[in-house]
N, C-alpha and C. Protein backbone atom coordinates (compact mmCIF):
# COMPACT_ATOMS: atom_id res chain seq x y z
N MET A 1 2.41 -59.09 44.01
CA MET A 1 1.82 -58.86 42.58
C MET A 1 1.62 -57.31 42.41
N TRP A 2 0.90 -56.72 43.42
CA TRP A 2 0.61 -55.33 43.26
C TRP A 2 1.91 -54.38 42.96
N GLY A 3 2.92 -54.80 43.69
CA GLY A 3 4.23 -54.02 43.46
C GLY A 3 4.76 -54.09 42.10
N SER A 4 4.68 -55.34 41.55
CA SER A 4 5.12 -55.49 40.15
C SER A 4 4.15 -54.75 39.18
N PHE A 5 2.83 -54.85 39.53
CA PHE A 5 1.92 -54.20 38.66
C PHE A 5 2.12 -52.60 38.68
N LEU A 6 2.38 -51.96 39.77
CA LEU A 6 2.58 -50.62 39.83
C LEU A 6 4.00 -50.30 39.12
N ILE A 7 4.98 -51.17 39.19
CA ILE A 7 6.24 -50.82 38.59
C ILE A 7 6.14 -51.11 37.11
N GLY A 8 5.29 -51.89 36.64
CA GLY A 8 5.04 -52.07 35.23
C GLY A 8 5.74 -53.45 34.64
N ASP A 9 5.84 -54.41 35.56
CA ASP A 9 6.37 -55.66 35.18
C ASP A 9 5.25 -56.70 34.80
N VAL A 10 4.06 -56.19 34.87
CA VAL A 10 2.89 -57.15 34.53
C VAL A 10 2.69 -57.01 32.97
N PRO A 11 2.45 -58.25 32.39
CA PRO A 11 2.31 -58.17 30.85
C PRO A 11 0.99 -57.33 30.49
N VAL A 12 0.82 -57.06 29.24
CA VAL A 12 -0.30 -56.36 28.66
C VAL A 12 -1.56 -56.94 29.24
N VAL A 13 -2.55 -56.08 29.36
CA VAL A 13 -3.82 -56.57 29.84
C VAL A 13 -4.41 -57.67 28.96
N SER A 14 -4.86 -58.74 29.39
CA SER A 14 -5.42 -59.84 28.59
C SER A 14 -6.70 -59.43 27.79
N PRO A 15 -6.87 -60.05 26.74
CA PRO A 15 -8.13 -59.75 25.91
C PRO A 15 -9.44 -59.98 26.69
N ILE A 16 -9.36 -60.89 27.66
CA ILE A 16 -10.64 -61.04 28.44
C ILE A 16 -10.92 -59.96 29.28
N VAL A 17 -9.84 -59.31 29.89
CA VAL A 17 -9.98 -58.14 30.69
C VAL A 17 -10.49 -56.93 29.92
N LYS A 18 -9.81 -56.78 28.69
CA LYS A 18 -10.31 -55.74 27.82
C LYS A 18 -11.74 -55.85 27.41
N HIS A 19 -12.16 -57.06 27.12
CA HIS A 19 -13.59 -57.37 26.76
C HIS A 19 -14.53 -57.03 27.88
N ALA A 20 -14.23 -57.46 29.04
CA ALA A 20 -15.02 -57.20 30.22
C ALA A 20 -15.15 -55.79 30.55
N THR A 21 -14.00 -55.02 30.42
CA THR A 21 -14.01 -53.54 30.67
C THR A 21 -14.89 -52.86 29.67
N LYS A 22 -14.76 -53.24 28.38
CA LYS A 22 -15.60 -52.69 27.34
C LYS A 22 -17.06 -52.90 27.57
N THR A 23 -17.35 -54.10 27.85
CA THR A 23 -18.81 -54.61 28.19
C THR A 23 -19.32 -53.81 29.21
N ILE A 24 -18.64 -53.57 30.43
CA ILE A 24 -19.13 -52.79 31.50
C ILE A 24 -19.31 -51.37 31.14
N THR A 25 -18.40 -50.85 30.41
CA THR A 25 -18.51 -49.42 30.06
C THR A 25 -19.67 -49.13 29.04
N ASN A 26 -19.95 -50.18 28.14
CA ASN A 26 -21.15 -50.10 27.18
C ASN A 26 -22.46 -50.13 27.98
N VAL A 27 -22.45 -51.01 29.07
CA VAL A 27 -23.70 -51.20 29.68
C VAL A 27 -23.93 -49.93 30.66
N ALA A 28 -22.84 -49.38 31.28
CA ALA A 28 -23.11 -48.15 32.02
C ALA A 28 -23.47 -47.03 31.10
N THR A 29 -22.91 -46.86 30.08
CA THR A 29 -23.16 -45.72 29.11
C THR A 29 -24.61 -45.85 28.70
N ARG A 30 -25.10 -47.09 28.40
CA ARG A 30 -26.58 -47.19 27.91
C ARG A 30 -27.41 -46.89 29.13
N ALA A 31 -27.08 -47.39 30.30
CA ALA A 31 -27.92 -47.07 31.55
C ALA A 31 -28.13 -45.79 31.86
N PHE A 32 -27.11 -44.89 31.64
CA PHE A 32 -27.11 -43.66 32.23
C PHE A 32 -27.27 -42.56 31.14
N SER A 33 -27.32 -42.93 29.80
CA SER A 33 -27.43 -41.89 28.82
C SER A 33 -28.80 -41.82 28.32
N GLY A 34 -29.83 -42.56 28.85
CA GLY A 34 -31.26 -42.39 28.51
C GLY A 34 -31.51 -43.03 27.12
N ARG A 35 -30.58 -44.00 26.74
CA ARG A 35 -30.75 -44.65 25.44
C ARG A 35 -31.16 -46.00 25.54
N GLY A 36 -31.78 -46.35 26.65
CA GLY A 36 -32.19 -47.79 26.84
C GLY A 36 -33.47 -47.99 26.14
N PRO A 37 -34.15 -49.18 26.33
CA PRO A 37 -35.49 -49.49 25.81
C PRO A 37 -36.41 -48.36 26.10
N GLY A 38 -37.28 -48.09 25.04
CA GLY A 38 -38.22 -47.05 25.19
C GLY A 38 -37.67 -45.70 25.08
N ALA A 39 -36.48 -45.56 24.78
CA ALA A 39 -35.84 -44.12 24.60
C ALA A 39 -35.88 -43.59 23.25
N ALA A 40 -36.52 -44.29 22.29
CA ALA A 40 -36.37 -43.94 20.85
C ALA A 40 -36.99 -42.59 20.50
N GLY A 41 -37.92 -42.20 21.31
CA GLY A 41 -38.56 -40.89 21.21
C GLY A 41 -37.65 -39.83 21.51
N ARG A 42 -36.65 -40.06 22.43
CA ARG A 42 -35.82 -39.11 22.92
C ARG A 42 -34.53 -38.89 21.98
N ILE A 43 -34.24 -39.74 21.18
CA ILE A 43 -33.15 -39.52 20.17
C ILE A 43 -33.60 -38.88 19.09
N LYS A 44 -33.07 -37.62 18.74
CA LYS A 44 -33.59 -36.98 17.57
C LYS A 44 -32.29 -36.88 16.68
N THR A 45 -32.55 -37.50 15.55
CA THR A 45 -31.46 -37.43 14.53
C THR A 45 -32.13 -37.21 13.06
N ARG A 46 -31.31 -36.52 12.22
CA ARG A 46 -31.87 -36.34 10.95
C ARG A 46 -32.26 -37.52 10.14
N TYR A 47 -31.47 -38.61 10.28
CA TYR A 47 -31.59 -39.78 9.41
C TYR A 47 -32.33 -41.02 10.13
N GLY A 48 -32.60 -40.79 11.37
CA GLY A 48 -33.34 -41.97 12.08
C GLY A 48 -32.54 -42.74 12.99
N THR A 49 -33.08 -43.80 13.60
CA THR A 49 -32.40 -44.66 14.45
C THR A 49 -32.59 -46.22 14.11
N LEU A 50 -31.57 -46.92 14.63
CA LEU A 50 -31.70 -48.38 14.54
C LEU A 50 -31.83 -48.88 15.98
N THR A 51 -32.85 -49.66 16.16
CA THR A 51 -33.07 -50.29 17.50
C THR A 51 -32.78 -51.79 17.39
N ILE A 52 -31.85 -52.24 18.23
CA ILE A 52 -31.50 -53.69 18.21
C ILE A 52 -32.58 -54.46 18.92
N ASN A 53 -33.35 -55.28 18.17
CA ASN A 53 -34.39 -56.09 18.80
C ASN A 53 -33.98 -57.41 19.21
N ARG A 54 -32.96 -57.96 18.47
CA ARG A 54 -32.49 -59.42 18.91
C ARG A 54 -31.02 -59.35 18.68
N GLY A 55 -30.35 -60.04 19.74
CA GLY A 55 -28.83 -60.09 19.75
C GLY A 55 -28.29 -59.66 21.11
N GLN A 56 -26.94 -59.72 21.17
CA GLN A 56 -26.31 -59.35 22.50
C GLN A 56 -26.58 -57.91 22.92
N LYS A 57 -26.82 -57.08 22.05
CA LYS A 57 -27.02 -55.60 22.37
C LYS A 57 -28.46 -55.31 22.35
N LYS A 58 -29.36 -56.29 22.57
CA LYS A 58 -30.78 -56.03 22.47
C LYS A 58 -31.12 -54.93 23.32
N GLY A 59 -31.94 -54.01 22.79
CA GLY A 59 -32.37 -52.80 23.46
C GLY A 59 -31.54 -51.56 23.18
N ALA A 60 -30.37 -51.70 22.60
CA ALA A 60 -29.55 -50.53 22.29
C ALA A 60 -30.03 -49.76 21.10
N ILE A 61 -30.04 -48.47 21.15
CA ILE A 61 -30.53 -47.59 20.08
C ILE A 61 -29.36 -46.90 19.52
N GLU A 62 -29.17 -46.89 18.11
CA GLU A 62 -28.02 -46.26 17.49
C GLU A 62 -28.54 -45.14 16.51
N ALA A 63 -27.95 -44.07 16.55
CA ALA A 63 -28.30 -42.98 15.63
C ALA A 63 -27.78 -43.37 14.29
N VAL A 64 -28.59 -43.08 13.28
CA VAL A 64 -28.07 -43.35 11.93
C VAL A 64 -27.28 -42.10 11.43
N ARG A 65 -26.05 -42.42 10.87
CA ARG A 65 -25.26 -41.29 10.40
C ARG A 65 -24.70 -41.78 9.06
N PRO A 66 -24.28 -40.77 8.19
CA PRO A 66 -23.76 -41.12 6.88
C PRO A 66 -22.56 -42.24 6.95
N ASN A 67 -22.61 -43.17 6.07
CA ASN A 67 -21.50 -44.05 5.85
C ASN A 67 -21.14 -44.86 7.04
N ILE A 68 -22.00 -45.14 7.98
CA ILE A 68 -21.54 -45.99 9.06
C ILE A 68 -21.56 -47.62 8.60
N VAL A 69 -20.65 -48.25 9.15
CA VAL A 69 -20.59 -49.65 8.92
C VAL A 69 -21.13 -50.40 10.12
N ILE A 70 -21.91 -51.42 9.90
CA ILE A 70 -22.43 -52.34 10.96
C ILE A 70 -21.68 -53.62 10.80
N GLY A 71 -21.10 -54.17 11.95
CA GLY A 71 -20.49 -55.40 11.90
C GLY A 71 -19.54 -55.56 13.14
N ALA A 72 -18.88 -56.67 13.14
CA ALA A 72 -17.93 -57.00 14.37
C ALA A 72 -16.88 -55.93 14.52
N ARG A 73 -16.47 -55.30 13.41
CA ARG A 73 -15.44 -54.21 13.54
C ARG A 73 -15.99 -52.95 12.96
N GLY A 74 -17.22 -52.76 12.83
CA GLY A 74 -17.79 -51.49 12.30
C GLY A 74 -18.01 -50.46 13.30
N ASP A 75 -18.64 -49.34 12.78
CA ASP A 75 -18.93 -48.16 13.61
C ASP A 75 -19.96 -48.57 14.61
N ILE A 76 -20.97 -49.36 14.23
CA ILE A 76 -21.86 -49.98 15.15
C ILE A 76 -21.41 -51.44 15.31
N GLN A 77 -20.68 -51.77 16.51
CA GLN A 77 -20.12 -53.05 16.60
C GLN A 77 -21.08 -54.08 17.21
N LEU A 78 -21.32 -55.17 16.45
CA LEU A 78 -22.09 -56.27 16.85
C LEU A 78 -21.20 -57.46 16.80
N ASN A 79 -20.99 -58.14 17.90
CA ASN A 79 -20.06 -59.30 17.99
C ASN A 79 -20.77 -60.66 18.14
N ASP A 80 -22.05 -60.76 17.66
CA ASP A 80 -22.76 -61.88 17.76
C ASP A 80 -22.22 -62.93 16.72
N ILE A 81 -22.47 -64.12 16.91
CA ILE A 81 -22.20 -65.21 15.98
C ILE A 81 -22.86 -64.88 14.61
N GLY A 82 -21.98 -65.12 13.48
CA GLY A 82 -22.60 -64.88 12.22
C GLY A 82 -22.49 -63.51 11.64
N ILE A 83 -21.90 -62.66 12.45
CA ILE A 83 -21.76 -61.27 11.96
C ILE A 83 -20.48 -61.08 11.35
N SER A 84 -20.36 -60.62 10.15
CA SER A 84 -19.03 -60.31 9.47
C SER A 84 -18.36 -59.04 10.15
N ARG A 85 -17.12 -59.01 9.85
CA ARG A 85 -16.33 -57.75 10.39
C ARG A 85 -17.05 -56.47 9.89
N ASN A 86 -17.24 -56.48 8.56
CA ASN A 86 -17.92 -55.30 7.96
C ASN A 86 -19.20 -56.02 7.23
N HIS A 87 -20.32 -55.99 7.90
CA HIS A 87 -21.47 -56.72 7.44
C HIS A 87 -22.33 -55.85 6.55
N ALA A 88 -22.56 -54.68 6.89
CA ALA A 88 -23.54 -53.80 6.09
C ALA A 88 -23.09 -52.36 6.22
N ARG A 89 -23.54 -51.60 5.36
CA ARG A 89 -23.20 -50.07 5.36
C ARG A 89 -24.54 -49.22 5.27
N ILE A 90 -24.66 -48.06 5.98
CA ILE A 90 -25.69 -47.21 5.79
C ILE A 90 -25.19 -46.07 4.76
N GLN A 91 -25.86 -45.93 3.66
CA GLN A 91 -25.46 -44.81 2.73
C GLN A 91 -26.52 -43.76 2.70
N ILE A 92 -26.02 -42.51 2.66
CA ILE A 92 -27.08 -41.41 2.58
C ILE A 92 -26.73 -40.56 1.44
N GLU A 93 -27.80 -40.36 0.54
CA GLU A 93 -27.58 -39.42 -0.60
C GLU A 93 -28.75 -38.43 -0.49
N GLY A 94 -28.45 -37.21 -0.28
CA GLY A 94 -29.36 -36.19 -0.14
C GLY A 94 -30.24 -36.52 1.14
N ASP A 95 -31.51 -36.81 1.13
CA ASP A 95 -32.25 -37.12 2.36
C ASP A 95 -32.70 -38.63 2.32
N GLN A 96 -32.14 -39.32 1.37
CA GLN A 96 -32.53 -40.80 1.31
C GLN A 96 -31.48 -41.63 2.06
N VAL A 97 -32.03 -42.54 2.93
CA VAL A 97 -31.12 -43.47 3.64
C VAL A 97 -31.28 -44.86 2.99
N ALA A 98 -30.09 -45.49 2.77
CA ALA A 98 -30.19 -46.86 2.09
C ALA A 98 -29.22 -47.63 2.92
N LEU A 99 -29.38 -49.05 2.77
CA LEU A 99 -28.67 -50.13 3.41
C LEU A 99 -27.98 -50.85 2.33
N VAL A 100 -26.76 -51.29 2.48
CA VAL A 100 -26.01 -52.04 1.44
C VAL A 100 -25.24 -53.29 2.19
N ASP A 101 -25.55 -54.50 1.67
CA ASP A 101 -24.79 -55.67 2.28
C ASP A 101 -23.36 -55.42 1.69
N LEU A 102 -22.33 -55.69 2.48
CA LEU A 102 -20.93 -55.62 2.14
C LEU A 102 -20.34 -56.96 1.91
N ASP A 103 -21.14 -57.88 1.15
CA ASP A 103 -20.52 -59.18 0.73
C ASP A 103 -20.36 -59.97 2.00
N SER A 104 -21.25 -59.84 3.06
CA SER A 104 -21.26 -60.60 4.24
C SER A 104 -21.30 -62.03 4.04
N THR A 105 -20.87 -62.80 4.98
CA THR A 105 -20.91 -64.32 4.87
C THR A 105 -22.32 -64.81 4.96
N ASN A 106 -23.13 -64.24 5.93
CA ASN A 106 -24.53 -64.80 6.11
C ASN A 106 -25.64 -63.85 5.63
N GLY A 107 -25.26 -62.80 4.89
CA GLY A 107 -26.29 -61.99 4.19
C GLY A 107 -26.92 -60.95 5.08
N THR A 108 -27.49 -60.04 4.38
CA THR A 108 -28.37 -58.95 5.01
C THR A 108 -29.71 -59.02 4.25
N PHE A 109 -30.77 -58.91 5.08
CA PHE A 109 -32.17 -59.06 4.59
C PHE A 109 -32.94 -57.95 5.09
N LEU A 110 -33.96 -57.49 4.32
CA LEU A 110 -34.95 -56.41 4.78
C LEU A 110 -36.29 -57.00 4.68
N ARG A 111 -37.13 -56.77 5.81
CA ARG A 111 -38.47 -57.19 5.89
C ARG A 111 -39.36 -55.96 5.86
N ARG A 112 -40.14 -55.79 4.89
CA ARG A 112 -41.13 -54.77 4.68
C ARG A 112 -42.38 -55.31 4.23
N ASP A 113 -43.63 -54.89 4.99
CA ASP A 113 -44.83 -55.47 4.57
C ASP A 113 -44.91 -56.99 4.49
N ASN A 114 -44.27 -57.68 5.45
CA ASN A 114 -44.14 -59.10 5.66
C ASN A 114 -43.51 -59.79 4.29
N GLN A 115 -42.71 -59.04 3.56
CA GLN A 115 -41.95 -59.58 2.55
C GLN A 115 -40.51 -59.41 2.87
N VAL A 116 -39.77 -60.54 2.69
CA VAL A 116 -38.35 -60.58 3.09
C VAL A 116 -37.52 -60.53 1.77
N GLN A 117 -36.57 -59.59 1.74
CA GLN A 117 -35.72 -59.53 0.45
C GLN A 117 -34.34 -59.48 0.90
N PRO A 118 -33.46 -60.26 0.15
CA PRO A 118 -32.08 -60.24 0.38
C PRO A 118 -31.50 -59.02 -0.31
N LEU A 119 -30.47 -58.46 0.27
CA LEU A 119 -29.90 -57.20 -0.30
C LEU A 119 -28.89 -57.35 -1.43
N ASN A 120 -28.06 -58.48 -1.35
CA ASN A 120 -27.10 -58.83 -2.38
C ASN A 120 -26.34 -57.69 -2.94
N GLY A 121 -25.92 -56.82 -2.15
CA GLY A 121 -24.86 -55.76 -2.44
C GLY A 121 -25.50 -54.47 -3.15
N VAL A 122 -26.85 -54.65 -3.33
CA VAL A 122 -27.42 -53.40 -4.11
C VAL A 122 -28.04 -52.44 -2.99
N PRO A 123 -27.78 -51.20 -3.00
CA PRO A 123 -28.42 -50.38 -1.98
C PRO A 123 -29.94 -50.41 -2.00
N MET A 124 -30.50 -50.57 -0.83
CA MET A 124 -31.92 -50.60 -0.61
C MET A 124 -32.44 -49.51 0.26
N PRO A 125 -33.25 -48.56 -0.38
CA PRO A 125 -33.71 -47.46 0.48
C PRO A 125 -34.57 -48.00 1.56
N LEU A 126 -34.34 -47.27 2.85
CA LEU A 126 -35.07 -47.68 3.96
C LEU A 126 -36.24 -46.82 4.13
N GLN A 127 -37.31 -47.39 4.79
CA GLN A 127 -38.46 -46.68 5.17
C GLN A 127 -38.78 -46.91 6.62
N HIS A 128 -39.37 -46.08 7.29
CA HIS A 128 -39.70 -46.03 8.76
C HIS A 128 -40.50 -47.41 8.95
N GLY A 129 -39.96 -48.13 9.88
CA GLY A 129 -40.63 -49.47 10.34
C GLY A 129 -39.94 -50.69 9.71
N ASP A 130 -39.01 -50.52 8.78
CA ASP A 130 -38.39 -51.59 8.15
C ASP A 130 -37.55 -52.37 9.16
N LEU A 131 -37.58 -53.75 9.03
CA LEU A 131 -36.80 -54.61 9.88
C LEU A 131 -35.70 -55.07 9.07
N ILE A 132 -34.40 -54.94 9.60
CA ILE A 132 -33.19 -55.33 9.02
C ILE A 132 -32.67 -56.65 9.75
N TYR A 133 -32.29 -57.59 8.96
CA TYR A 133 -31.78 -58.82 9.56
C TYR A 133 -30.31 -59.06 9.01
N LEU A 134 -29.44 -59.17 9.96
CA LEU A 134 -28.12 -59.46 9.70
C LEU A 134 -27.96 -61.06 9.78
N GLY A 135 -28.02 -61.79 8.81
CA GLY A 135 -28.02 -63.21 8.79
C GLY A 135 -29.52 -63.60 8.46
N ASP A 136 -29.78 -64.88 8.22
CA ASP A 136 -31.00 -65.48 7.85
C ASP A 136 -32.09 -65.05 8.83
N PRO A 137 -33.08 -64.42 8.42
CA PRO A 137 -34.21 -64.07 9.34
C PRO A 137 -34.90 -65.20 10.06
N ASP A 138 -34.76 -66.42 9.43
CA ASP A 138 -35.49 -67.61 10.11
C ASP A 138 -34.60 -68.22 11.13
N LEU A 139 -33.38 -67.84 11.28
CA LEU A 139 -32.51 -68.47 12.23
C LEU A 139 -32.39 -67.60 13.55
N PRO A 140 -32.46 -68.15 14.70
CA PRO A 140 -32.49 -67.38 15.97
C PRO A 140 -31.10 -66.70 16.21
N THR A 141 -30.06 -66.97 15.51
CA THR A 141 -28.76 -66.30 15.64
C THR A 141 -28.63 -65.03 14.84
N SER A 142 -29.67 -64.70 13.96
CA SER A 142 -29.64 -63.45 13.22
C SER A 142 -29.85 -62.29 14.14
N ILE A 143 -29.36 -61.19 13.77
CA ILE A 143 -29.62 -59.90 14.49
C ILE A 143 -30.68 -59.19 13.79
N GLU A 144 -31.64 -58.73 14.61
CA GLU A 144 -32.79 -57.86 14.04
C GLU A 144 -32.75 -56.48 14.55
N LEU A 145 -32.69 -55.58 13.53
CA LEU A 145 -32.74 -54.08 13.73
C LEU A 145 -34.01 -53.49 13.29
N LEU A 146 -34.58 -52.53 13.97
CA LEU A 146 -35.76 -51.80 13.57
C LEU A 146 -35.20 -50.46 13.19
N TYR A 147 -35.56 -49.98 11.86
CA TYR A 147 -35.17 -48.68 11.38
C TYR A 147 -36.38 -47.80 11.75
N GLN A 148 -36.18 -46.66 12.41
CA GLN A 148 -37.25 -45.69 12.67
C GLN A 148 -36.82 -44.33 12.26
N ARG A 149 -37.76 -43.55 11.66
CA ARG A 149 -37.30 -42.25 11.26
C ARG A 149 -38.47 -41.31 11.44
N GLN A 150 -38.34 -40.28 12.27
CA GLN A 150 -39.39 -39.40 12.46
C GLN A 150 -38.87 -37.97 12.06
N GLU A 151 -39.78 -37.15 11.78
CA GLU A 151 -39.31 -35.74 11.34
C GLU A 151 -38.87 -35.08 12.56
N VAL A 152 -37.73 -34.42 12.41
CA VAL A 152 -36.96 -33.73 13.56
C VAL A 152 -37.61 -32.22 13.57
């Protein structure tokens, strides 16, 4: 088998091997980059961070950047059940950060001051401490993200 592998007779790497390699790389990157749980104070970005509180990538912290898409095929990739390919987008105008649902199947919701509001395609300005839900907040399959923004 190794002889044919080295010569190139082996078919293209299977999707399972690709997924496993990507997962191992992501775990190692988070482990050694100082971006694990509790690292929120170490990431300094102009527009804030998103901490994944619930989902497969729980504990990951992502820097907010202009026009990033969150979803299964987005800039912030979340492959959890119920997440659309392009679920939501971060929009930045001037110094204001807003979140927009991209007509996702299960919706995008914002919790602020114990009030939950569906986004319905309208940009919603984000405030420090907002909880974002990809999917129904009452379901355990929804993804919960915490938006944090500190002055840099």
